[in-house]
Amino acid sequence: RTPRRSPTPRAPMGLTDNRCANRVLTGVALGGTVGGAVGACYGTYEAFSAGIPGMLKVRHVGRTTVGSAALFGLFLGAGSLLQCGRR
């Protein structure tokens, strides 16, 4: 006869829940992707319209791309976390 296993303790619902963590990470990834694409388009437009010289355009486009991706990913991840807490 095999011994009975005791039930494993469950963590409270929140970020430790695997579904919730996956939802937040998906929100961050999706926000980063969309924010990066928008930031690249806007940074390119702004670099050419402002007349930024030479290779500084690449730096400007990269900075706006990364900044936009980080900001939009942060907000979409936070929104996903708030939605996850409601359930």
PDB file of N, CA and C in Angstrom:
ATOM      1  N   ARG A   1       0.838  -1.168   0.000  1.00  0.00           N
ATOM      2  CA  ARG A   1       0.000   0.000   0.000  1.00  0.00           C
ATOM      3  C   ARG A   1       0.891   1.242   0.000  1.00  0.00           C
ATOM      4  N   THR A   2       0.541   2.200  -0.861  1.00  0.00           N
ATOM      5  CA  THR A   2       1.358   3.411  -0.964  1.00  0.00           C
ATOM      6  C   THR A   2       0.852   4.472   0.011  1.00  0.00           C
ATOM      7  N   PRO A   3       1.771   5.218   0.599  1.00  0.00           N
ATOM      8  CA  PRO A   3       1.338   6.259   1.544  1.00  0.00           C
ATOM      9  C   PRO A   3       0.650   7.415   0.807  1.00  0.00           C
ATOM     10  N   ARG A   4      -0.279   8.039   1.510  1.00  0.00           N
ATOM     11  CA  ARG A   4      -0.999   9.175   0.927  1.00  0.00           C
ATOM     12  C   ARG A   4      -0.119  10.413   0.939  1.00  0.00           C
ATOM     13  N   ARG A   5      -0.262  11.197  -0.108  1.00  0.00           N
ATOM     14  CA  ARG A   5       0.468  12.458  -0.170  1.00  0.00           C
ATOM     15  C   ARG A   5      -0.362  13.551   0.485  1.00  0.00           C
ATOM     16  N   SER A   6       0.319  14.410   1.180  1.00  0.00           N
ATOM     17  CA  SER A   6      -0.406  15.553   1.747  1.00  0.00           C
ATOM     18  C   SER A   6      -0.572  16.604   0.641  1.00  0.00           C
ATOM     19  N   PRO A   7      -1.680  17.318   0.669  1.00  0.00           N
ATOM     20  CA  PRO A   7      -1.891  18.315  -0.382  1.00  0.00           C
ATOM     21  C   PRO A   7      -0.859  19.434  -0.290  1.00  0.00           C
ATOM     22  N   THR A   8      -0.415  19.908  -1.444  1.00  0.00           N
ATOM     23  CA  THR A   8       0.579  20.977  -1.449  1.00  0.00           C
ATOM     24  C   THR A   8      -0.110  22.294  -1.120  1.00  0.00           C
ATOM     25  N   PRO A   9       0.546  23.130  -0.324  1.00  0.00           N
ATOM     26  CA  PRO A   9      -0.066  24.420   0.003  1.00  0.00           C
ATOM     27  C   PRO A   9      -0.122  25.311  -1.229  1.00  0.00           C
ATOM     28  N   ARG A  10      -1.204  26.027  -1.358  1.00  0.00           N
ATOM     29  CA  ARG A  10      -1.380  26.913  -2.507  1.00  0.00           C
ATOM     30  C   ARG A  10      -1.112  28.344  -2.094  1.00  0.00           C
ATOM     31  N   ALA A  11      -0.474  29.066  -2.985  1.00  0.00           N
ATOM     32  CA  ALA A  11      -0.222  30.490  -2.749  1.00  0.00           C
ATOM     33  C   ALA A  11      -1.488  31.268  -3.061  1.00  0.00           C
ATOM     34  N   PRO A  12      -1.664  32.416  -2.439  1.00  0.00           N
ATOM     35  CA  PRO A  12      -2.846  33.226  -2.756  1.00  0.00           C
ATOM     36  C   PRO A  12      -2.788  33.722  -4.191  1.00  0.00           C
ATOM     37  N   MET A  13      -3.958  34.019  -4.740  1.00  0.00           N
ATOM     38  CA  MET A  13      -4.006  34.527  -6.110  1.00  0.00           C
ATOM     39  C   MET A  13      -3.225  35.837  -6.179  1.00  0.00           C
ATOM     40  N   GLY A  14      -2.508  35.998  -7.229  1.00  0.00           N
ATOM     41  CA  GLY A  14      -1.698  37.200  -7.395  1.00  0.00           C
ATOM     42  C   GLY A  14      -0.644  36.914  -8.436  1.00  0.00           C
ATOM     43  N   LEU A  15       0.501  37.560  -8.318  1.00  0.00           N
ATOM     44  CA  LEU A  15       1.556  37.379  -9.313  1.00  0.00           C
ATOM     45  C   LEU A  15       2.149  35.978  -9.240  1.00  0.00           C
ATOM     46  N   THR A  16       2.015  35.278  -8.109  1.00  0.00           N
ATOM     47  CA  THR A  16       2.552  33.934  -8.010  1.00  0.00           C
ATOM     48  C   THR A  16       1.737  32.940  -8.818  1.00  0.00           C
ATOM     49  N   ASP A  17       0.519  33.300  -9.160  1.00  0.00           N
ATOM     50  CA  ASP A  17      -0.303  32.446 -10.006  1.00  0.00           C
ATOM     51  C   ASP A  17       0.306  32.407 -11.395  1.00  0.00           C
ATOM     52  N   ASN A  18       0.471  31.240 -11.935  1.00  0.00           N
ATOM     53  CA  ASN A  18       1.159  31.093 -13.216  1.00  0.00           C
ATOM     54  C   ASN A  18       0.400  31.777 -14.343  1.00  0.00           C
ATOM     55  N   ARG A  19      -0.914  31.695 -14.334  1.00  0.00           N
ATOM     56  CA  ARG A  19      -1.691  32.348 -15.385  1.00  0.00           C
ATOM     57  C   ARG A  19      -1.533  33.849 -15.322  1.00  0.00           C
ATOM     58  N   CYS A  20      -1.513  34.381 -14.122  1.00  0.00           N
ATOM     59  CA  CYS A  20      -1.375  35.826 -13.949  1.00  0.00           C
ATOM     60  C   CYS A  20       0.016  36.288 -14.391  1.00  0.00           C
ATOM     61  N   ALA A  21       1.043  35.565 -14.007  1.00  0.00           N
ATOM     62  CA  ALA A  21       2.399  35.932 -14.412  1.00  0.00           C
ATOM     63  C   ALA A  21       2.547  35.859 -15.924  1.00  0.00           C
ATOM     64  N   ASN A  22       1.962  34.827 -16.528  1.00  0.00           N
ATOM     65  CA  ASN A  22       2.033  34.729 -17.985  1.00  0.00           C
ATOM     66  C   ASN A  22       1.306  35.877 -18.654  1.00  0.00           C
ATOM     67  N   ARG A  23       0.181  36.271 -18.094  1.00  0.00           N
ATOM     68  CA  ARG A  23      -0.584  37.383 -18.670  1.00  0.00           C
ATOM     69  C   ARG A  23       0.195  38.692 -18.564  1.00  0.00           C
ATOM     70  N   VAL A  24       0.841  38.926 -17.428  1.00  0.00           N
ATOM     71  CA  VAL A  24       1.616  40.157 -17.246  1.00  0.00           C
ATOM     72  C   VAL A  24       2.824  40.162 -18.184  1.00  0.00           C
ATOM     73  N   LEU A  25       3.527  39.046 -18.272  1.00  0.00           N
ATOM     74  CA  LEU A  25       4.683  38.978 -19.165  1.00  0.00           C
ATOM     75  C   LEU A  25       4.282  39.123 -20.624  1.00  0.00           C
ATOM     76  N   THR A  26       3.137  38.584 -20.992  1.00  0.00           N
ATOM     77  CA  THR A  26       2.653  38.760 -22.355  1.00  0.00           C
ATOM     78  C   THR A  26       2.315  40.220 -22.615  1.00  0.00           C
ATOM     79  N   GLY A  27       1.729  40.888 -21.633  1.00  0.00           N
ATOM     80  CA  GLY A  27       1.430  42.307 -21.771  1.00  0.00           C
ATOM     81  C   GLY A  27       2.684  43.147 -21.925  1.00  0.00           C
ATOM     82  N   VAL A  28       3.704  42.834 -21.151  1.00  0.00           N
ATOM     83  CA  VAL A  28       4.969  43.567 -21.248  1.00  0.00           C
ATOM     84  C   VAL A  28       5.612  43.337 -22.619  1.00  0.00           C
ATOM     85  N   ALA A  29       5.607  42.095 -23.081  1.00  0.00           N
ATOM     86  CA  ALA A  29       6.215  41.789 -24.379  1.00  0.00           C
ATOM     87  C   ALA A  29       5.453  42.444 -25.517  1.00  0.00           C
ATOM     88  N   LEU A  30       4.139  42.376 -25.465  1.00  0.00           N
ATOM     89  CA  LEU A  30       3.334  42.990 -26.515  1.00  0.00           C
ATOM     90  C   LEU A  30       3.477  44.506 -26.488  1.00  0.00           C
ATOM     91  N   GLY A  31       3.485  45.088 -25.305  1.00  0.00           N
ATOM     92  CA  GLY A  31       3.676  46.530 -25.188  1.00  0.00           C
ATOM     93  C   GLY A  31       5.041  46.967 -25.676  1.00  0.00           C
ATOM     94  N   GLY A  32       6.058  46.190 -25.373  1.00  0.00           N
ATOM     95  CA  GLY A  32       7.399  46.510 -25.853  1.00  0.00           C
ATOM     96  C   GLY A  32       7.508  46.441 -27.363  1.00  0.00           C
ATOM     97  N   THR A  33       6.838  45.464 -27.946  1.00  0.00           N
ATOM     98  CA  THR A  33       6.877  45.317 -29.400  1.00  0.00           C
ATOM     99  C   THR A  33       6.159  46.471 -30.095  1.00  0.00           C
ATOM    100  N   VAL A  34       4.953  46.753 -29.646  1.00  0.00           N
ATOM    101  CA  VAL A  34       4.182  47.838 -30.259  1.00  0.00           C
ATOM    102  C   VAL A  34       4.848  49.186 -29.985  1.00  0.00           C
ATOM    103  N   GLY A  35       5.309  49.393 -28.759  1.00  0.00           N
ATOM    104  CA  GLY A  35       5.982  50.641 -28.424  1.00  0.00           C
ATOM    105  C   GLY A  35       7.271  50.828 -29.198  1.00  0.00           C
ATOM    106  N   GLY A  36       8.008  49.746 -29.426  1.00  0.00           N
ATOM    107  CA  GLY A  36       9.227  49.838 -30.221  1.00  0.00           C
ATOM    108  C   GLY A  36       8.956  50.202 -31.662  1.00  0.00           C
ATOM    109  N   ALA A  37       7.910  49.615 -32.229  1.00  0.00           N
ATOM    110  CA  ALA A  37       7.565  49.930 -33.616  1.00  0.00           C
ATOM    111  C   ALA A  37       7.119  51.382 -33.755  1.00  0.00           C
ATOM    112  N   VAL A  38       6.282  51.831 -32.839  1.00  0.00           N
ATOM    113  CA  VAL A  38       5.820  53.225 -32.887  1.00  0.00           C
ATOM    114  C   VAL A  38       6.987  54.172 -32.624  1.00  0.00           C
ATOM    115  N   GLY A  39       7.836  53.833 -31.675  1.00  0.00           N
ATOM    116  CA  GLY A  39       8.995  54.672 -31.373  1.00  0.00           C
ATOM    117  C   GLY A  39       9.966  54.761 -32.537  1.00  0.00           C
ATOM    118  N   ALA A  40      10.149  53.670 -33.263  1.00  0.00           N
ATOM    119  CA  ALA A  40      11.036  53.702 -34.426  1.00  0.00           C
ATOM    120  C   ALA A  40      10.470  54.598 -35.522  1.00  0.00           C
ATOM    121  N   CYS A  41       9.178  54.494 -35.762  1.00  0.00           N
ATOM    122  CA  CYS A  41       8.550  55.351 -36.779  1.00  0.00           C
ATOM    123  C   CYS A  41       8.614  56.816 -36.367  1.00  0.00           C
ATOM    124  N   TYR A  42       8.250  57.103 -35.141  1.00  0.00           N
ATOM    125  CA  TYR A  42       8.259  58.483 -34.677  1.00  0.00           C
ATOM    126  C   TYR A  42       9.676  59.039 -34.591  1.00  0.00           C
ATOM    127  N   GLY A  43      10.613  58.243 -34.123  1.00  0.00           N
ATOM    128  CA  GLY A  43      12.002  58.700 -34.024  1.00  0.00           C
ATOM    129  C   GLY A  43      12.601  58.994 -35.383  1.00  0.00           C
ATOM    130  N   THR A  44      12.278  58.163 -36.370  1.00  0.00           N
ATOM    131  CA  THR A  44      12.776  58.410 -37.728  1.00  0.00           C
ATOM    132  C   THR A  44      12.191  59.702 -38.284  1.00  0.00           C
ATOM    133  N   TYR A  45      10.895  59.871 -38.122  1.00  0.00           N
ATOM    134  CA  TYR A  45      10.249  61.097 -38.594  1.00  0.00           C
ATOM    135  C   TYR A  45      10.843  62.326 -37.906  1.00  0.00           C
ATOM    136  N   GLU A  46      10.994  62.247 -36.602  1.00  0.00           N
ATOM    137  CA  GLU A  46      11.511  63.382 -35.845  1.00  0.00           C
ATOM    138  C   GLU A  46      12.964  63.682 -36.199  1.00  0.00           C
ATOM    139  N   ALA A  47      13.773  62.647 -36.418  1.00  0.00           N
ATOM    140  CA  ALA A  47      15.182  62.858 -36.749  1.00  0.00           C
ATOM    141  C   ALA A  47      15.335  63.558 -38.095  1.00  0.00           C
ATOM    142  N   PHE A  48      14.518  63.175 -39.070  1.00  0.00           N
ATOM    143  CA  PHE A  48      14.637  63.807 -40.380  1.00  0.00           C
ATOM    144  C   PHE A  48      14.003  65.192 -40.410  1.00  0.00           C
ATOM    145  N   SER A  49      12.911  65.367 -39.685  1.00  0.00           N
ATOM    146  CA  SER A  49      12.261  66.680 -39.707  1.00  0.00           C
ATOM    147  C   SER A  49      13.035  67.716 -38.885  1.00  0.00           C
ATOM    148  N   ALA A  50      13.745  67.284 -37.857  1.00  0.00           N
ATOM    149  CA  ALA A  50      14.529  68.211 -37.039  1.00  0.00           C
ATOM    150  C   ALA A  50      15.894  68.502 -37.655  1.00  0.00           C
ATOM    151  N   GLY A  51      16.257  67.733 -38.670  1.00  0.00           N
ATOM    152  CA  GLY A  51      17.541  67.955 -39.335  1.00  0.00           C
ATOM    153  C   GLY A  51      18.735  67.530 -38.500  1.00  0.00           C
ATOM    154  N   ILE A  52      18.617  66.440 -37.789  1.00  0.00           N
ATOM    155  CA  ILE A  52      19.727  65.924 -36.984  1.00  0.00           C
ATOM    156  C   ILE A  52      20.791  65.393 -37.940  1.00  0.00           C
ATOM    157  N   PRO A  53      22.049  65.795 -37.770  1.00  0.00           N
ATOM    158  CA  PRO A  53      23.080  65.448 -38.749  1.00  0.00           C
ATOM    159  C   PRO A  53      23.614  64.019 -38.600  1.00  0.00           C
ATOM    160  N   GLY A  54      23.938  63.403 -39.741  1.00  0.00           N
ATOM    161  CA  GLY A  54      24.698  62.161 -39.852  1.00  0.00           C
ATOM    162  C   GLY A  54      24.263  61.012 -38.971  1.00  0.00           C
ATOM    163  N   MET A  55      25.260  60.428 -38.303  1.00  0.00           N
ATOM    164  CA  MET A  55      25.027  59.237 -37.494  1.00  0.00           C
ATOM    165  C   MET A  55      24.281  59.527 -36.192  1.00  0.00           C
ATOM    166  N   LEU A  56      24.098  60.790 -35.876  1.00  0.00           N
ATOM    167  CA  LEU A  56      23.302  61.116 -34.696  1.00  0.00           C
ATOM    168  C   LEU A  56      21.841  60.744 -34.906  1.00  0.00           C
ATOM    169  N   LYS A  57      21.437  60.615 -36.173  1.00  0.00           N
ATOM    170  CA  LYS A  57      20.075  60.152 -36.468  1.00  0.00           C
ATOM    171  C   LYS A  57      19.855  58.749 -35.923  1.00  0.00           C
ATOM    172  N   VAL A  58      20.849  57.890 -36.118  1.00  0.00           N
ATOM    173  CA  VAL A  58      20.735  56.499 -35.649  1.00  0.00           C
ATOM    174  C   VAL A  58      20.612  56.470 -34.133  1.00  0.00           C
ATOM    175  N   ARG A  59      21.398  57.291 -33.476  1.00  0.00           N
ATOM    176  CA  ARG A  59      21.337  57.358 -32.016  1.00  0.00           C
ATOM    177  C   ARG A  59      19.970  57.863 -31.556  1.00  0.00           C
ATOM    178  N   HIS A  60      19.461  58.874 -32.243  1.00  0.00           N
ATOM    179  CA  HIS A  60      18.168  59.441 -31.873  1.00  0.00           C
ATOM    180  C   HIS A  60      17.042  58.425 -32.083  1.00  0.00           C
ATOM    181  N   VAL A  61      17.064  57.736 -33.225  1.00  0.00           N
ATOM    182  CA  VAL A  61      16.035  56.727 -33.505  1.00  0.00           C
ATOM    183  C   VAL A  61      16.113  55.593 -32.488  1.00  0.00           C
ATOM    184  N   GLY A  62      17.308  55.154 -32.157  1.00  0.00           N
ATOM    185  CA  GLY A  62      17.469  54.090 -31.166  1.00  0.00           C
ATOM    186  C   GLY A  62      16.981  54.494 -29.794  1.00  0.00           C
ATOM    187  N   ARG A  63      17.286  55.734 -29.420  1.00  0.00           N
ATOM    188  CA  ARG A  63      16.858  56.204 -28.098  1.00  0.00           C
ATOM    189  C   ARG A  63      15.342  56.318 -28.007  1.00  0.00           C
ATOM    190  N   THR A  64      14.706  56.845 -29.061  1.00  0.00           N
ATOM    191  CA  THR A  64      13.246  56.952 -29.012  1.00  0.00           C
ATOM    192  C   THR A  64      12.587  55.577 -29.095  1.00  0.00           C
ATOM    193  N   THR A  65      13.199  54.653 -29.826  1.00  0.00           N
ATOM    194  CA  THR A  65      12.647  53.300 -29.923  1.00  0.00           C
ATOM    195  C   THR A  65      12.679  52.600 -28.568  1.00  0.00           C
ATOM    196  N   VAL A  66      13.823  52.631 -27.914  1.00  0.00           N
ATOM    197  CA  VAL A  66      13.968  51.952 -26.622  1.00  0.00           C
ATOM    198  C   VAL A  66      13.102  52.625 -25.554  1.00  0.00           C
ATOM    199  N   GLY A  67      13.076  53.947 -25.555  1.00  0.00           N
ATOM    200  CA  GLY A  67      12.269  54.658 -24.572  1.00  0.00           C
ATOM    201  C   GLY A  67      10.791  54.392 -24.730  1.00  0.00           C
ATOM    202  N   SER A  68      10.326  54.408 -25.973  1.00  0.00           N
ATOM    203  CA  SER A  68       8.913  54.148 -26.233  1.00  0.00           C
ATOM    204  C   SER A  68       8.550  52.703 -25.901  1.00  0.00           C
ATOM    205  N   ALA A  69       9.426  51.771 -26.245  1.00  0.00           N
ATOM    206  CA  ALA A  69       9.161  50.357 -25.949  1.00  0.00           C
ATOM    207  C   ALA A  69       9.105  50.117 -24.448  1.00  0.00           C
ATOM    208  N   ALA A  70      10.034  50.720 -23.706  1.00  0.00           N
ATOM    209  CA  ALA A  70      10.047  50.522 -22.253  1.00  0.00           C
ATOM    210  C   ALA A  70       8.810  51.126 -21.595  1.00  0.00           C
ATOM    211  N   LEU A  71       8.448  52.316 -22.016  1.00  0.00           N
ATOM    212  CA  LEU A  71       7.309  52.987 -21.401  1.00  0.00           C
ATOM    213  C   LEU A  71       5.992  52.277 -21.726  1.00  0.00           C
ATOM    214  N   PHE A  72       5.807  51.929 -22.977  1.00  0.00           N
ATOM    215  CA  PHE A  72       4.558  51.273 -23.360  1.00  0.00           C
ATOM    216  C   PHE A  72       4.490  49.865 -22.762  1.00  0.00           C
ATOM    217  N   GLY A  73       5.613  49.157 -22.717  1.00  0.00           N
ATOM    218  CA  GLY A  73       5.636  47.840 -22.085  1.00  0.00           C
ATOM    219  C   GLY A  73       5.323  47.908 -20.607  1.00  0.00           C
ATOM    220  N   LEU A  74       5.852  48.945 -19.935  1.00  0.00           N
ATOM    221  CA  LEU A  74       5.565  49.126 -18.511  1.00  0.00           C
ATOM    222  C   LEU A  74       4.077  49.347 -18.281  1.00  0.00           C
ATOM    223  N   PHE A  75       3.474  50.220 -19.063  1.00  0.00           N
ATOM    224  CA  PHE A  75       2.055  50.524 -18.851  1.00  0.00           C
ATOM    225  C   PHE A  75       1.153  49.355 -19.219  1.00  0.00           C
ATOM    226  N   LEU A  76       1.486  48.651 -20.291  1.00  0.00           N
ATOM    227  CA  LEU A  76       0.647  47.505 -20.657  1.00  0.00           C
ATOM    228  C   LEU A  76       0.814  46.367 -19.646  1.00  0.00           C
ATOM    229  N   GLY A  77       2.014  46.191 -19.130  1.00  0.00           N
ATOM    230  CA  GLY A  77       2.222  45.193 -18.080  1.00  0.00           C
ATOM    231  C   GLY A  77       1.491  45.543 -16.798  1.00  0.00           C
ATOM    232  N   ALA A  78       1.507  46.840 -16.433  1.00  0.00           N
ATOM    233  CA  ALA A  78       0.801  47.273 -15.236  1.00  0.00           C
ATOM    234  C   ALA A  78      -0.708  47.113 -15.414  1.00  0.00           C
ATOM    235  N   GLY A  79      -1.202  47.411 -16.596  1.00  0.00           N
ATOM    236  CA  GLY A  79      -2.635  47.216 -16.866  1.00  0.00           C
ATOM    237  C   GLY A  79      -3.018  45.755 -16.793  1.00  0.00           C
ATOM    238  N   SER A  80      -2.162  44.894 -17.295  1.00  0.00           N
ATOM    239  CA  SER A  80      -2.427  43.461 -17.224  1.00  0.00           C
ATOM    240  C   SER A  80      -2.420  42.975 -15.770  1.00  0.00           C
ATOM    241  N   LEU A  81      -1.518  43.525 -14.977  1.00  0.00           N
ATOM    242  CA  LEU A  81      -1.452  43.155 -13.568  1.00  0.00           C
ATOM    243  C   LEU A  81      -2.714  43.599 -12.826  1.00  0.00           C
ATOM    244  N   LEU A  82      -3.179  44.803 -13.133  1.00  0.00           N
ATOM    245  CA  LEU A  82      -4.413  45.277 -12.494  1.00  0.00           C
ATOM    246  C   LEU A  82      -5.611  44.428 -12.899  1.00  0.00           C
ATOM    247  N   GLN A  83      -5.688  44.043 -14.154  1.00  0.00           N
ATOM    248  CA  GLN A  83      -6.778  43.192 -14.609  1.00  0.00           C
ATOM    249  C   GLN A  83      -6.694  41.817 -13.962  1.00  0.00           C
ATOM    250  N   CYS A  84      -5.486  41.348 -13.746  1.00  0.00           N
ATOM    251  CA  CYS A  84      -5.292  40.034 -13.144  1.00  0.00           C
ATOM    252  C   CYS A  84      -5.727  40.037 -11.681  1.00  0.00           C
ATOM    253  N   GLY A  85      -5.559  41.154 -10.997  1.00  0.00           N
ATOM    254  CA  GLY A  85      -5.935  41.248  -9.599  1.00  0.00           C
ATOM    255  C   GLY A  85      -7.436  41.265  -9.381  1.00  0.00           C
ATOM    256  N   ARG A  86      -8.189  41.608 -10.405  1.00  0.00           N
ATOM    257  CA  ARG A  86      -9.649  41.676 -10.268  1.00  0.00           C
ATOM    258  C   ARG A  86     -10.306  40.312 -10.257  1.00  0.00           C
ATOM    259  N   ARG A  87      -9.629  39.318 -10.783  1.00  0.00           N
ATOM    260  CA  ARG A  87     -10.255  38.001 -10.918  1.00  0.00           C
ATOM    261  C   ARG A  87      -9.943  37.110  -9.766  1.00  0.00           C
TER     262      ARG A  87
END
